[in-house]
Amino acid sequence: MFQKILDITYHANIFYYLYVYFLIYFTKLVNEVMMLRYIGVLLGLLLILTACSADTETIYEADIKNKDLDIIGKAKFQTDPGGVKLTVNLEGLSPGFHGIHLHEFPKCEPPTFESAGNHWSNQGDKKHGLMNPDGHHIGDMTNLKVDGDGTATFEYVIEDATLQDGKGSIFKDEGKALIIHSGQDDGVSQPAGNSGERIACAEIIKGKQRSDGQNPGDQVEKEAEEKE
């Protein structure tokens, strides 16, 4: 009788250890499968984010050209918490203040640059001028100041603008043009602040960045950074 009890206990222990072993093995297997699933999901998300970022602009640069289509500087557009930050570095313009605006078409056909169309406005009821009581065009900015040596460094955050798709996108409807005028923008007069003729232009087209050749704006930017 005692021997039978020992045999039963022995076999019970074997079954118990086998149960524990398979339980541990099964748990480990489930964890490995779940881990592989998580890794697969993470890799999928990474691929999606990579694909999205490849089609997303965060910095865009364009050549600024005068009426002779000579490159006189560069314009850099960069994603900013307040919208899009525009940085302009150029040389070769007359000293003083010059109106600078974004226009509706990315076409810089000299000598008048009228091909760029009117000021960019994503709201039809707005009028020109930062001081206009009825609200201003999204493409209106403060004046660009050119120093006595003909060089200029200009920064401005374009509110409600974006380099991504959607409302306020600089690249919507093929893109935009950056226009510099011969005179100062008074911030009120229609349609361009009495700022004179268009003397410089930059085409802003998605996927079409500035040339890799020598650009006077690079030297102006370098000198501005050294002054800081």
C-alpha atoms as a PDB file:
ATOM      1  CA  MET A   1       0.000   0.000   0.000  1.00  0.00           C
ATOM      2  CA  PHE A   2       2.774   2.383   0.942  1.00  0.00           C
ATOM      3  CA  GLN A   3       4.610   1.563  -2.296  1.00  0.00           C
ATOM      4  CA  LYS A   4       1.509   2.409  -4.355  1.00  0.00           C
ATOM      5  CA  ILE A   5       1.277   5.784  -2.633  1.00  0.00           C
ATOM      6  CA  LEU A   6       4.922   6.428  -3.457  1.00  0.00           C
ATOM      7  CA  ASP A   7       4.342   5.461  -7.097  1.00  0.00           C
ATOM      8  CA  ILE A   8       1.317   7.739  -7.357  1.00  0.00           C
ATOM      9  CA  THR A   9       3.242  10.601  -5.760  1.00  0.00           C
ATOM     10  CA  TYR A  10       6.165  10.018  -8.119  1.00  0.00           C
ATOM     11  CA  HIS A  11       3.985  10.099 -11.217  1.00  0.00           C
ATOM     12  CA  ALA A  12       2.075  13.102  -9.903  1.00  0.00           C
ATOM     13  CA  ASN A  13       5.343  14.977  -9.494  1.00  0.00           C
ATOM     14  CA  ILE A  14       6.352  14.071 -13.040  1.00  0.00           C
ATOM     15  CA  PHE A  15       3.064  15.370 -14.420  1.00  0.00           C
ATOM     16  CA  TYR A  16       3.398  18.513 -12.310  1.00  0.00           C
ATOM     17  CA  TYR A  17       6.895  19.256 -13.566  1.00  0.00           C
ATOM     18  CA  LEU A  18       5.824  18.541 -17.135  1.00  0.00           C
ATOM     19  CA  TYR A  19       2.887  20.917 -16.672  1.00  0.00           C
ATOM     20  CA  VAL A  20       5.142  23.648 -15.280  1.00  0.00           C
ATOM     21  CA  TYR A  21       7.669  23.115 -18.096  1.00  0.00           C
ATOM     22  CA  PHE A  22       5.043  23.357 -20.846  1.00  0.00           C
ATOM     23  CA  LEU A  23       3.444  26.354 -19.127  1.00  0.00           C
ATOM     24  CA  ILE A  24       6.774  28.186 -19.052  1.00  0.00           C
ATOM     25  CA  TYR A  25       7.547  27.161 -22.648  1.00  0.00           C
ATOM     26  CA  PHE A  26       4.099  28.209 -23.879  1.00  0.00           C
ATOM     27  CA  THR A  27       4.324  31.571 -22.074  1.00  0.00           C
ATOM     28  CA  LYS A  28       7.754  32.193 -23.567  1.00  0.00           C
ATOM     29  CA  LEU A  29       6.474  31.260 -27.030  1.00  0.00           C
ATOM     30  CA  VAL A  30       3.499  33.619 -26.706  1.00  0.00           C
ATOM     31  CA  ASN A  31       5.777  36.429 -25.552  1.00  0.00           C
ATOM     32  CA  GLU A  32       8.094  35.864 -28.513  1.00  0.00           C
ATOM     33  CA  VAL A  33       5.161  35.906 -30.943  1.00  0.00           C
ATOM     34  CA  MET A  34       3.810  39.096 -29.378  1.00  0.00           C
ATOM     35  CA  MET A  35       7.261  40.663 -29.519  1.00  0.00           C
ATOM     36  CA  LEU A  36       7.548  39.789 -33.209  1.00  0.00           C
ATOM     37  CA  ARG A  37       4.135  41.351 -33.816  1.00  0.00           C
ATOM     38  CA  TYR A  38       5.169  44.519 -31.987  1.00  0.00           C
ATOM     39  CA  ILE A  39       8.403  44.666 -33.974  1.00  0.00           C
ATOM     40  CA  GLY A  40       6.425  44.245 -37.190  1.00  0.00           C
ATOM     41  CA  VAL A  41       4.050  47.053 -36.238  1.00  0.00           C
ATOM     42  CA  LEU A  42       6.942  49.356 -35.314  1.00  0.00           C
ATOM     43  CA  LEU A  43       8.738  48.617 -38.584  1.00  0.00           C
ATOM     44  CA  GLY A  44       5.535  49.349 -40.482  1.00  0.00           C
ATOM     45  CA  LEU A  45       5.108  52.680 -38.714  1.00  0.00           C
ATOM     46  CA  LEU A  46       8.752  53.519 -39.377  1.00  0.00           C
ATOM     47  CA  LEU A  47       8.307  52.842 -43.090  1.00  0.00           C
ATOM     48  CA  ILE A  48       5.178  55.009 -43.180  1.00  0.00           C
ATOM     49  CA  LEU A  49       6.918  57.874 -41.376  1.00  0.00           C
ATOM     50  CA  THR A  50       9.922  57.577 -43.679  1.00  0.00           C
ATOM     51  CA  ALA A  51       7.693  57.717 -46.747  1.00  0.00           C
ATOM     52  CA  CYS A  52       5.829  60.730 -45.378  1.00  0.00           C
ATOM     53  CA  SER A  53       8.995  62.600 -44.457  1.00  0.00           C
ATOM     54  CA  ALA A  54      10.404  62.028 -47.936  1.00  0.00           C
ATOM     55  CA  ASP A  55       7.484  64.004 -49.348  1.00  0.00           C
ATOM     56  CA  THR A  56       7.534  66.686 -46.658  1.00  0.00           C
ATOM     57  CA  GLU A  57       9.303  70.012 -46.974  1.00  0.00           C
ATOM     58  CA  THR A  58      10.786  71.557 -43.829  1.00  0.00           C
ATOM     59  CA  ILE A  59      13.355  73.813 -45.522  1.00  0.00           C
ATOM     60  CA  TYR A  60      13.127  75.263 -49.013  1.00  0.00           C
ATOM     61  CA  GLU A  61      15.588  77.543 -50.783  1.00  0.00           C
ATOM     62  CA  ALA A  62      15.149  79.560 -53.979  1.00  0.00           C
ATOM     63  CA  ASP A  63      17.375  81.834 -56.055  1.00  0.00           C
ATOM     64  CA  ILE A  64      16.469  85.520 -56.195  1.00  0.00           C
ATOM     65  CA  LYS A  65      17.010  87.019 -59.648  1.00  0.00           C
ATOM     66  CA  ASN A  66      16.995  90.573 -60.985  1.00  0.00           C
ATOM     67  CA  LYS A  67      15.542  91.784 -64.300  1.00  0.00           C
ATOM     68  CA  ASP A  68      18.567  90.421 -66.173  1.00  0.00           C
ATOM     69  CA  LEU A  69      17.966  87.046 -64.495  1.00  0.00           C
ATOM     70  CA  ASP A  70      21.263  87.376 -62.646  1.00  0.00           C
ATOM     71  CA  ILE A  71      21.206  85.607 -59.285  1.00  0.00           C
ATOM     72  CA  ILE A  72      21.542  88.287 -56.614  1.00  0.00           C
ATOM     73  CA  GLY A  73      20.705  86.270 -53.518  1.00  0.00           C
ATOM     74  CA  LYS A  74      18.700  83.496 -51.969  1.00  0.00           C
ATOM     75  CA  ALA A  75      15.466  83.068 -50.062  1.00  0.00           C
ATOM     76  CA  LYS A  76      15.136  80.319 -47.460  1.00  0.00           C
ATOM     77  CA  PHE A  77      11.757  79.150 -46.181  1.00  0.00           C
ATOM     78  CA  GLN A  78      11.766  77.095 -43.009  1.00  0.00           C
ATOM     79  CA  THR A  79       9.031  75.522 -40.906  1.00  0.00           C
ATOM     80  CA  ASP A  80       8.505  77.593 -37.746  1.00  0.00           C
ATOM     81  CA  PRO A  81       6.128  77.301 -34.752  1.00  0.00           C
ATOM     82  CA  GLY A  82       4.526  80.563 -35.884  1.00  0.00           C
ATOM     83  CA  GLY A  83       4.156  79.540 -39.532  1.00  0.00           C
ATOM     84  CA  VAL A  84       6.974  79.737 -42.080  1.00  0.00           C
ATOM     85  CA  LYS A  85      10.164  81.674 -41.409  1.00  0.00           C
ATOM     86  CA  LEU A  86      11.579  83.480 -44.440  1.00  0.00           C
ATOM     87  CA  THR A  87      15.260  84.435 -44.490  1.00  0.00           C
ATOM     88  CA  VAL A  88      16.600  86.541 -47.365  1.00  0.00           C
ATOM     89  CA  ASN A  89      20.268  87.237 -48.078  1.00  0.00           C
ATOM     90  CA  LEU A  90      21.141  89.281 -51.159  1.00  0.00           C
ATOM     91  CA  GLU A  91      23.287  91.993 -52.692  1.00  0.00           C
ATOM     92  CA  GLY A  92      23.106  94.412 -55.593  1.00  0.00           C
ATOM     93  CA  LEU A  93      20.030  96.470 -54.706  1.00  0.00           C
ATOM     94  CA  SER A  94      19.872 100.199 -54.028  1.00  0.00           C
ATOM     95  CA  PRO A  95      20.175 101.194 -50.345  1.00  0.00           C
ATOM     96  CA  GLY A  96      16.964 101.873 -48.474  1.00  0.00           C
ATOM     97  CA  PHE A  97      13.671 100.118 -47.804  1.00  0.00           C
ATOM     98  CA  HIS A  98      12.005  97.844 -50.334  1.00  0.00           C
ATOM     99  CA  GLY A  99       8.589  96.245 -50.320  1.00  0.00           C
ATOM    100  CA  ILE A 100       8.715  92.443 -50.312  1.00  0.00           C
ATOM    101  CA  HIS A 101       5.701  90.173 -50.808  1.00  0.00           C
ATOM    102  CA  LEU A 102       4.639  86.673 -51.787  1.00  0.00           C
ATOM    103  CA  HIS A 103       2.681  86.544 -55.042  1.00  0.00           C
ATOM    104  CA  GLU A 104       0.196  83.996 -56.316  1.00  0.00           C
ATOM    105  CA  PHE A 105       2.070  82.437 -59.281  1.00  0.00           C
ATOM    106  CA  PRO A 106       5.589  80.906 -59.341  1.00  0.00           C
ATOM    107  CA  LYS A 107       6.567  82.687 -62.554  1.00  0.00           C
ATOM    108  CA  CYS A 108       9.425  85.184 -62.808  1.00  0.00           C
ATOM    109  CA  GLU A 109       9.302  86.487 -66.379  1.00  0.00           C
ATOM    110  CA  PRO A 110      11.431  89.626 -66.812  1.00  0.00           C
ATOM    111  CA  PRO A 111      11.563  92.511 -67.064  1.00  0.00           C
ATOM    112  CA  THR A 112       8.339  93.359 -65.186  1.00  0.00           C
ATOM    113  CA  PHE A 113       7.703  90.089 -63.299  1.00  0.00           C
ATOM    114  CA  GLU A 114       3.979  90.725 -63.783  1.00  0.00           C
ATOM    115  CA  SER A 115       3.734  87.001 -64.513  1.00  0.00           C
ATOM    116  CA  ALA A 116       3.811  86.451 -60.732  1.00  0.00           C
ATOM    117  CA  GLY A 117       0.276  87.837 -60.509  1.00  0.00           C
ATOM    118  CA  ASN A 118      -1.202  89.594 -57.502  1.00  0.00           C
ATOM    119  CA  HIS A 119      -0.315  89.243 -53.840  1.00  0.00           C
ATOM    120  CA  TRP A 120      -0.947  85.828 -52.341  1.00  0.00           C
ATOM    121  CA  SER A 121      -4.111  85.886 -50.250  1.00  0.00           C
ATOM    122  CA  ASN A 122      -5.798  82.715 -49.027  1.00  0.00           C
ATOM    123  CA  GLN A 123      -8.798  84.789 -47.901  1.00  0.00           C
ATOM    124  CA  GLY A 124     -10.522  86.790 -50.606  1.00  0.00           C
ATOM    125  CA  ASP A 125     -11.866  89.497 -48.286  1.00  0.00           C
ATOM    126  CA  LYS A 126      -8.407  90.629 -47.157  1.00  0.00           C
ATOM    127  CA  LYS A 127      -6.618  93.659 -48.591  1.00  0.00           C
ATOM    128  CA  HIS A 128      -3.000  94.691 -48.856  1.00  0.00           C
ATOM    129  CA  GLY A 129      -1.022  96.116 -45.965  1.00  0.00           C
ATOM    130  CA  LEU A 130       0.009  95.005 -42.501  1.00  0.00           C
ATOM    131  CA  MET A 131      -1.631  98.172 -41.150  1.00  0.00           C
ATOM    132  CA  ASN A 132      -4.877  97.651 -43.053  1.00  0.00           C
ATOM    133  CA  PRO A 133      -7.798  97.616 -40.573  1.00  0.00           C
ATOM    134  CA  ASP A 134      -9.637  95.031 -42.696  1.00  0.00           C
ATOM    135  CA  GLY A 135      -6.820  92.511 -42.438  1.00  0.00           C
ATOM    136  CA  HIS A 136      -3.846  91.902 -44.706  1.00  0.00           C
ATOM    137  CA  HIS A 137      -2.829  89.387 -47.341  1.00  0.00           C
ATOM    138  CA  ILE A 138      -0.984  86.331 -46.045  1.00  0.00           C
ATOM    139  CA  GLY A 139       1.857  87.293 -48.391  1.00  0.00           C
ATOM    140  CA  ASP A 140       2.325  90.800 -46.938  1.00  0.00           C
ATOM    141  CA  MET A 141       5.483  91.457 -44.923  1.00  0.00           C
ATOM    142  CA  THR A 142       7.518  94.235 -43.357  1.00  0.00           C
ATOM    143  CA  ASN A 143       9.974  96.119 -45.570  1.00  0.00           C
ATOM    144  CA  LEU A 144      13.356  94.733 -46.530  1.00  0.00           C
ATOM    145  CA  LYS A 145      16.204  97.096 -45.600  1.00  0.00           C
ATOM    146  CA  VAL A 146      19.218  97.262 -47.921  1.00  0.00           C
ATOM    147  CA  ASP A 147      22.418  98.630 -46.378  1.00  0.00           C
ATOM    148  CA  GLY A 148      24.687 101.225 -47.946  1.00  0.00           C
ATOM    149  CA  ASP A 149      26.860  98.556 -49.564  1.00  0.00           C
ATOM    150  CA  GLY A 150      23.853  97.069 -51.359  1.00  0.00           C
ATOM    151  CA  THR A 151      23.571  93.970 -49.173  1.00  0.00           C
ATOM    152  CA  ALA A 152      20.578  92.910 -47.122  1.00  0.00           C
ATOM    153  CA  THR A 153      19.631  90.286 -44.571  1.00  0.00           C
ATOM    154  CA  PHE A 154      15.925  89.943 -43.868  1.00  0.00           C
ATOM    155  CA  GLU A 155      13.884  87.664 -41.611  1.00  0.00           C
ATOM    156  CA  TYR A 156      10.134  87.413 -41.258  1.00  0.00           C
ATOM    157  CA  VAL A 157       7.702  84.754 -39.987  1.00  0.00           C
ATOM    158  CA  ILE A 158       4.750  84.352 -42.349  1.00  0.00           C
ATOM    159  CA  GLU A 159       1.827  83.539 -40.081  1.00  0.00           C
ATOM    160  CA  ASP A 160      -0.788  80.962 -41.152  1.00  0.00           C
ATOM    161  CA  ALA A 161       1.577  79.693 -43.862  1.00  0.00           C
ATOM    162  CA  THR A 162       2.984  76.178 -44.119  1.00  0.00           C
ATOM    163  CA  LEU A 163       5.370  74.118 -46.231  1.00  0.00           C
ATOM    164  CA  GLN A 164       3.022  71.142 -45.899  1.00  0.00           C
ATOM    165  CA  ASP A 165      -0.135  70.391 -47.860  1.00  0.00           C
ATOM    166  CA  GLY A 166      -3.447  72.040 -47.022  1.00  0.00           C
ATOM    167  CA  LYS A 167      -4.728  75.544 -46.439  1.00  0.00           C
ATOM    168  CA  GLY A 168      -1.965  78.099 -46.214  1.00  0.00           C
ATOM    169  CA  SER A 169       0.491  75.933 -48.139  1.00  0.00           C
ATOM    170  CA  ILE A 170       3.088  77.956 -50.013  1.00  0.00           C
ATOM    171  CA  PHE A 171       3.175  75.179 -52.607  1.00  0.00           C
ATOM    172  CA  LYS A 172      -0.575  75.139 -53.246  1.00  0.00           C
ATOM    173  CA  ASP A 173      -1.626  75.869 -56.852  1.00  0.00           C
ATOM    174  CA  GLU A 174       1.863  75.049 -58.189  1.00  0.00           C
ATOM    175  CA  GLY A 175       3.661  77.419 -55.801  1.00  0.00           C
ATOM    176  CA  LYS A 176       4.320  81.120 -55.235  1.00  0.00           C
ATOM    177  CA  ALA A 177       6.769  83.880 -56.170  1.00  0.00           C
ATOM    178  CA  LEU A 178       8.748  86.162 -53.885  1.00  0.00           C
ATOM    179  CA  ILE A 179       8.775  89.706 -55.284  1.00  0.00           C
ATOM    180  CA  ILE A 180      10.964  92.631 -54.209  1.00  0.00           C
ATOM    181  CA  HIS A 181       9.926  96.157 -55.190  1.00  0.00           C
ATOM    182  CA  SER A 182      11.952  99.261 -55.987  1.00  0.00           C
ATOM    183  CA  GLY A 183      10.444 101.332 -53.171  1.00  0.00           C
ATOM    184  CA  GLN A 184       9.099 101.158 -49.643  1.00  0.00           C
ATOM    185  CA  ASP A 185       5.741  99.576 -48.839  1.00  0.00           C
ATOM    186  CA  ASP A 186       3.583 102.056 -46.900  1.00  0.00           C
ATOM    187  CA  GLY A 187       1.532  99.204 -45.430  1.00  0.00           C
ATOM    188  CA  VAL A 188      -1.851 100.596 -46.468  1.00  0.00           C
ATOM    189  CA  SER A 189      -2.136 101.668 -50.130  1.00  0.00           C
ATOM    190  CA  GLN A 190      -3.703  99.307 -52.655  1.00  0.00           C
ATOM    191  CA  PRO A 191      -2.713  97.094 -54.292  1.00  0.00           C
ATOM    192  CA  ALA A 192       0.980  96.971 -53.271  1.00  0.00           C
ATOM    193  CA  GLY A 193       1.636  99.725 -50.748  1.00  0.00           C
ATOM    194  CA  ASN A 194       2.838 102.197 -53.384  1.00  0.00           C
ATOM    195  CA  SER A 195       6.122 100.283 -53.405  1.00  0.00           C
ATOM    196  CA  GLY A 196       7.013 100.809 -57.056  1.00  0.00           C
ATOM    197  CA  GLU A 197       8.022  98.417 -59.795  1.00  0.00           C
ATOM    198  CA  ARG A 198       9.032  94.801 -59.322  1.00  0.00           C
ATOM    199  CA  ILE A 199      12.820  94.536 -59.492  1.00  0.00           C
ATOM    200  CA  ALA A 200      13.617  91.028 -58.226  1.00  0.00           C
ATOM    201  CA  CYS A 201      11.857  87.685 -58.142  1.00  0.00           C
ATOM    202  CA  ALA A 202      12.227  84.122 -56.840  1.00  0.00           C
ATOM    203  CA  GLU A 203      10.159  81.155 -57.979  1.00  0.00           C
ATOM    204  CA  ILE A 204       8.927  78.883 -55.183  1.00  0.00           C
ATOM    205  CA  ILE A 205       7.980  75.524 -56.646  1.00  0.00           C
ATOM    206  CA  LYS A 206       7.777  72.281 -54.676  1.00  0.00           C
ATOM    207  CA  GLY A 207      10.638  69.967 -55.571  1.00  0.00           C
ATOM    208  CA  LYS A 208      12.521  72.707 -57.418  1.00  0.00           C
ATOM    209  CA  GLN A 209      15.225  73.980 -55.091  1.00  0.00           C
ATOM    210  CA  ARG A 210      17.761  76.713 -55.796  1.00  0.00           C
ATOM    211  CA  SER A 211      20.782  75.990 -57.972  1.00  0.00           C
ATOM    212  CA  ASP A 212      23.999  74.615 -56.491  1.00  0.00           C
ATOM    213  CA  GLY A 213      26.107  77.279 -58.171  1.00  0.00           C
ATOM    214  CA  GLN A 214      27.754  80.269 -56.520  1.00  0.00           C
ATOM    215  CA  ASN A 215      25.162  82.550 -55.015  1.00  0.00           C
ATOM    216  CA  PRO A 216      25.873  86.070 -53.685  1.00  0.00           C
ATOM    217  CA  GLY A 217      23.377  85.388 -50.927  1.00  0.00           C
ATOM    218  CA  ASP A 218      25.652  82.697 -49.496  1.00  0.00           C
ATOM    219  CA  GLN A 219      28.413  85.233 -48.884  1.00  0.00           C
ATOM    220  CA  VAL A 220      25.974  87.756 -47.396  1.00  0.00           C
ATOM    221  CA  GLU A 221      24.618  85.053 -45.090  1.00  0.00           C
ATOM    222  CA  LYS A 222      28.133  84.050 -44.033  1.00  0.00           C
ATOM    223  CA  GLU A 223      29.065  87.651 -43.228  1.00  0.00           C
ATOM    224  CA  ALA A 224      25.834  88.115 -41.259  1.00  0.00           C
ATOM    225  CA  GLU A 225      26.588  84.998 -39.188  1.00  0.00           C
ATOM    226  CA  GLU A 226      30.122  86.244 -38.493  1.00  0.00           C
ATOM    227  CA  LYS A 227      28.733  89.560 -37.215  1.00  0.00           C
ATOM    228  CA  GLU A 228      26.552  87.653 -34.743  1.00  0.00           C
END
